[in-house]
Amino acid sequence: MKTLSALFLTLLVCVSCSLPPDRPFTKDELYKTGIYTYLTISDSPESVVSAINKEGEVILDAMYRNRPVWIKILGKPEGLKVQIIEK
């Protein structure tokens, strides 16, 4: 019973972690989200795409109209999902 519980817990932890996407994303797909048009981001698009393709997600510091925000970008099978969170 303990072994089954430990196996289930390990599986649950592994599933909740970010995984790299099935297919690599491109810089064009990142530009289609519009984040570089509306937000001031210090990270280069190349480094953002590299992090998404390696980790499956990235969290960036950005500015929107002189307000600091975080941008969370998830690499999903259907495309990039962007969330903007106020600090």
N, C-alpha and C. Protein backbone atom coordinates (compact mmCIF):
# COMPACT_ATOMS: atom_id res chain seq x y z
N MET A 1 0.82 -1.20 0.00
CA MET A 1 0.00 0.00 0.00
C MET A 1 0.86 1.26 0.00
N LYS A 2 1.95 1.24 0.80
CA LYS A 2 2.85 2.39 0.84
C LYS A 2 3.51 2.61 -0.51
N THR A 3 3.87 1.53 -1.17
CA THR A 3 4.51 1.64 -2.49
C THR A 3 3.55 2.24 -3.50
N LEU A 4 2.31 1.83 -3.46
CA LEU A 4 1.31 2.36 -4.38
C LEU A 4 1.06 3.85 -4.11
N SER A 5 1.02 4.23 -2.85
CA SER A 5 0.83 5.64 -2.50
C SER A 5 2.02 6.48 -2.96
N ALA A 6 3.22 5.97 -2.76
CA ALA A 6 4.42 6.70 -3.18
C ALA A 6 4.47 6.82 -4.70
N LEU A 7 4.09 5.78 -5.40
CA LEU A 7 4.07 5.82 -6.86
C LEU A 7 3.04 6.83 -7.36
N PHE A 8 1.87 6.85 -6.76
CA PHE A 8 0.83 7.80 -7.14
C PHE A 8 1.27 9.24 -6.87
N LEU A 9 1.90 9.50 -5.74
CA LEU A 9 2.39 10.83 -5.40
C LEU A 9 3.47 11.29 -6.38
N THR A 10 4.38 10.38 -6.72
CA THR A 10 5.44 10.70 -7.69
C THR A 10 4.83 11.02 -9.05
N LEU A 11 3.88 10.27 -9.47
CA LEU A 11 3.21 10.52 -10.75
C LEU A 11 2.49 11.85 -10.74
N LEU A 12 1.83 12.18 -9.66
CA LEU A 12 1.13 13.45 -9.52
C LEU A 12 2.08 14.63 -9.60
N VAL A 13 3.22 14.53 -8.95
CA VAL A 13 4.22 15.61 -8.96
C VAL A 13 4.79 15.78 -10.36
N CYS A 14 5.08 14.70 -11.04
CA CYS A 14 5.66 14.77 -12.38
C CYS A 14 4.69 15.36 -13.39
N VAL A 15 3.42 15.05 -13.26
CA VAL A 15 2.42 15.56 -14.20
C VAL A 15 2.21 17.05 -14.01
N SER A 16 2.34 17.55 -12.80
CA SER A 16 2.10 18.97 -12.55
C SER A 16 3.28 19.85 -12.95
N CYS A 17 4.42 19.28 -13.26
CA CYS A 17 5.58 20.07 -13.69
C CYS A 17 5.43 20.48 -15.14
N SER A 18 6.11 21.55 -15.51
CA SER A 18 6.11 21.99 -16.90
C SER A 18 6.95 21.04 -17.73
N LEU A 19 6.46 20.75 -18.91
CA LEU A 19 7.18 19.89 -19.83
C LEU A 19 7.48 20.66 -21.10
N PRO A 20 8.55 20.31 -21.78
CA PRO A 20 8.82 20.97 -23.05
C PRO A 20 7.71 20.67 -24.05
N PRO A 21 7.44 21.59 -24.98
CA PRO A 21 6.37 21.36 -25.95
C PRO A 21 6.72 20.23 -26.92
N ASP A 22 5.69 19.66 -27.54
CA ASP A 22 5.89 18.58 -28.50
C ASP A 22 6.64 19.07 -29.73
N ARG A 23 6.33 20.27 -30.17
CA ARG A 23 7.02 20.86 -31.32
C ARG A 23 7.60 22.20 -30.89
N PRO A 24 8.76 22.56 -31.40
CA PRO A 24 9.37 23.83 -31.00
C PRO A 24 8.60 25.02 -31.57
N PHE A 25 8.52 26.08 -30.79
CA PHE A 25 7.87 27.31 -31.22
C PHE A 25 8.89 28.21 -31.91
N THR A 26 8.39 29.11 -32.74
CA THR A 26 9.26 30.03 -33.47
C THR A 26 9.07 31.46 -32.97
N LYS A 27 9.97 32.30 -33.41
CA LYS A 27 9.89 33.71 -33.04
C LYS A 27 8.64 34.35 -33.65
N ASP A 28 8.24 33.90 -34.84
CA ASP A 28 7.02 34.43 -35.47
C ASP A 28 5.78 34.14 -34.63
N GLU A 29 5.70 32.96 -34.05
CA GLU A 29 4.57 32.63 -33.19
C GLU A 29 4.56 33.51 -31.94
N LEU A 30 5.74 33.82 -31.42
CA LEU A 30 5.84 34.70 -30.27
C LEU A 30 5.38 36.11 -30.63
N TYR A 31 5.78 36.60 -31.80
CA TYR A 31 5.36 37.94 -32.25
C TYR A 31 3.85 38.02 -32.47
N LYS A 32 3.22 36.92 -32.88
CA LYS A 32 1.77 36.91 -33.10
C LYS A 32 0.98 37.13 -31.81
N THR A 33 1.59 36.89 -30.66
CA THR A 33 0.89 37.14 -29.39
C THR A 33 0.73 38.63 -29.13
N GLY A 34 1.58 39.47 -29.72
CA GLY A 34 1.47 40.91 -29.56
C GLY A 34 2.13 41.47 -28.31
N ILE A 35 2.83 40.65 -27.55
CA ILE A 35 3.40 41.16 -26.30
C ILE A 35 4.51 42.17 -26.55
N TYR A 36 5.25 42.03 -27.62
CA TYR A 36 6.33 42.98 -27.90
C TYR A 36 5.79 44.28 -28.49
N THR A 37 4.54 44.29 -28.90
CA THR A 37 3.91 45.51 -29.42
C THR A 37 3.37 46.38 -28.28
N TYR A 38 2.74 45.76 -27.30
CA TYR A 38 2.03 46.49 -26.26
C TYR A 38 2.80 46.62 -24.94
N LEU A 39 3.81 45.80 -24.74
CA LEU A 39 4.54 45.78 -23.48
C LEU A 39 6.01 46.06 -23.71
N THR A 40 6.67 46.60 -22.70
CA THR A 40 8.11 46.82 -22.74
C THR A 40 8.77 45.65 -22.03
N ILE A 41 9.49 44.84 -22.80
CA ILE A 41 10.12 43.63 -22.28
C ILE A 41 11.62 43.73 -22.50
N SER A 42 12.40 43.48 -21.46
CA SER A 42 13.85 43.59 -21.59
C SER A 42 14.49 42.34 -22.19
N ASP A 43 13.81 41.20 -22.11
CA ASP A 43 14.37 39.95 -22.65
C ASP A 43 14.20 39.90 -24.16
N SER A 44 15.19 39.35 -24.83
CA SER A 44 15.13 39.25 -26.29
C SER A 44 14.14 38.15 -26.70
N PRO A 45 13.53 38.29 -27.87
CA PRO A 45 12.61 37.25 -28.34
C PRO A 45 13.30 35.89 -28.47
N GLU A 46 14.56 35.89 -28.87
CA GLU A 46 15.29 34.63 -29.02
C GLU A 46 15.43 33.90 -27.69
N SER A 47 15.73 34.63 -26.63
CA SER A 47 15.88 33.99 -25.32
C SER A 47 14.53 33.51 -24.78
N VAL A 48 13.46 34.24 -25.07
CA VAL A 48 12.13 33.83 -24.63
C VAL A 48 11.71 32.54 -25.33
N VAL A 49 11.89 32.48 -26.66
CA VAL A 49 11.53 31.27 -27.42
C VAL A 49 12.38 30.09 -26.96
N SER A 50 13.65 30.32 -26.70
CA SER A 50 14.52 29.25 -26.22
C SER A 50 14.04 28.70 -24.88
N ALA A 51 13.66 29.58 -23.97
CA ALA A 51 13.16 29.13 -22.65
C ALA A 51 11.85 28.36 -22.78
N ILE A 52 10.96 28.83 -23.65
CA ILE A 52 9.68 28.12 -23.85
C ILE A 52 9.94 26.73 -24.42
N ASN A 53 10.83 26.64 -25.41
CA ASN A 53 11.11 25.35 -26.03
C ASN A 53 11.84 24.40 -25.09
N LYS A 54 12.57 24.94 -24.12
CA LYS A 54 13.31 24.10 -23.18
C LYS A 54 12.46 23.70 -21.98
N GLU A 55 11.75 24.66 -21.39
CA GLU A 55 11.02 24.44 -20.14
C GLU A 55 9.50 24.28 -20.31
N GLY A 56 8.97 24.77 -21.43
CA GLY A 56 7.52 24.70 -21.62
C GLY A 56 6.79 25.94 -21.16
N GLU A 57 7.47 26.79 -20.41
CA GLU A 57 6.87 28.04 -19.94
C GLU A 57 7.97 29.03 -19.61
N VAL A 58 7.58 30.30 -19.52
CA VAL A 58 8.52 31.35 -19.12
C VAL A 58 7.73 32.45 -18.43
N ILE A 59 8.36 33.07 -17.43
CA ILE A 59 7.75 34.21 -16.74
C ILE A 59 8.70 35.39 -16.91
N LEU A 60 8.16 36.50 -17.43
CA LEU A 60 8.96 37.67 -17.76
C LEU A 60 8.54 38.88 -16.93
N ASP A 61 9.50 39.74 -16.63
CA ASP A 61 9.20 41.05 -16.06
C ASP A 61 8.97 42.00 -17.22
N ALA A 62 7.95 42.82 -17.13
CA ALA A 62 7.64 43.77 -18.20
C ALA A 62 7.00 45.01 -17.62
N MET A 63 6.83 46.00 -18.48
CA MET A 63 6.15 47.24 -18.11
C MET A 63 5.00 47.45 -19.09
N TYR A 64 3.85 47.87 -18.54
CA TYR A 64 2.71 48.23 -19.35
C TYR A 64 2.23 49.60 -18.87
N ARG A 65 2.43 50.61 -19.70
CA ARG A 65 2.04 51.99 -19.36
C ARG A 65 2.59 52.39 -17.99
N ASN A 66 3.88 52.20 -17.81
CA ASN A 66 4.60 52.54 -16.57
C ASN A 66 4.14 51.76 -15.35
N ARG A 67 3.47 50.63 -15.55
CA ARG A 67 3.09 49.74 -14.45
C ARG A 67 3.85 48.43 -14.61
N PRO A 68 4.49 47.95 -13.56
CA PRO A 68 5.20 46.67 -13.67
C PRO A 68 4.22 45.50 -13.70
N VAL A 69 4.48 44.56 -14.59
CA VAL A 69 3.64 43.37 -14.72
C VAL A 69 4.55 42.16 -14.93
N TRP A 70 3.99 40.98 -14.69
CA TRP A 70 4.63 39.73 -15.05
C TRP A 70 3.87 39.17 -16.23
N ILE A 71 4.58 38.54 -17.13
CA ILE A 71 3.97 37.86 -18.26
C ILE A 71 4.31 36.39 -18.15
N LYS A 72 3.30 35.55 -18.14
CA LYS A 72 3.51 34.11 -18.11
C LYS A 72 3.11 33.57 -19.48
N ILE A 73 4.03 32.90 -20.14
CA ILE A 73 3.77 32.33 -21.46
C ILE A 73 3.92 30.82 -21.36
N LEU A 74 2.87 30.12 -21.71
CA LEU A 74 2.86 28.66 -21.70
C LEU A 74 2.88 28.14 -23.14
N GLY A 75 3.71 27.15 -23.39
CA GLY A 75 3.72 26.50 -24.70
C GLY A 75 2.78 25.32 -24.68
N LYS A 76 1.63 25.46 -25.32
CA LYS A 76 0.63 24.40 -25.35
C LYS A 76 0.54 23.83 -26.76
N PRO A 77 -0.01 22.63 -26.93
CA PRO A 77 -0.12 22.05 -28.27
C PRO A 77 -0.91 22.94 -29.25
N GLU A 78 -1.87 23.69 -28.74
CA GLU A 78 -2.66 24.54 -29.63
C GLU A 78 -2.03 25.90 -29.87
N GLY A 79 -0.90 26.18 -29.23
CA GLY A 79 -0.20 27.45 -29.43
C GLY A 79 0.26 28.05 -28.11
N LEU A 80 0.75 29.27 -28.18
CA LEU A 80 1.24 29.96 -26.99
C LEU A 80 0.08 30.61 -26.25
N LYS A 81 0.05 30.43 -24.94
CA LYS A 81 -0.97 31.05 -24.10
C LYS A 81 -0.29 32.08 -23.22
N VAL A 82 -0.79 33.32 -23.26
CA VAL A 82 -0.18 34.43 -22.53
C VAL A 82 -1.09 34.88 -21.41
N GLN A 83 -0.54 35.04 -20.22
CA GLN A 83 -1.25 35.62 -19.08
C GLN A 83 -0.46 36.82 -18.60
N ILE A 84 -1.15 37.92 -18.36
CA ILE A 84 -0.51 39.12 -17.83
C ILE A 84 -0.99 39.33 -16.40
N ILE A 85 -0.06 39.43 -15.47
CA ILE A 85 -0.38 39.51 -14.05
C ILE A 85 0.25 40.78 -13.49
N GLU A 86 -0.56 41.60 -12.82
CA GLU A 86 -0.03 42.82 -12.20
C GLU A 86 0.79 42.45 -10.97
N LYS A 87 1.87 43.19 -10.77
CA LYS A 87 2.71 42.94 -9.58
C LYS A 87 2.09 43.52 -8.36
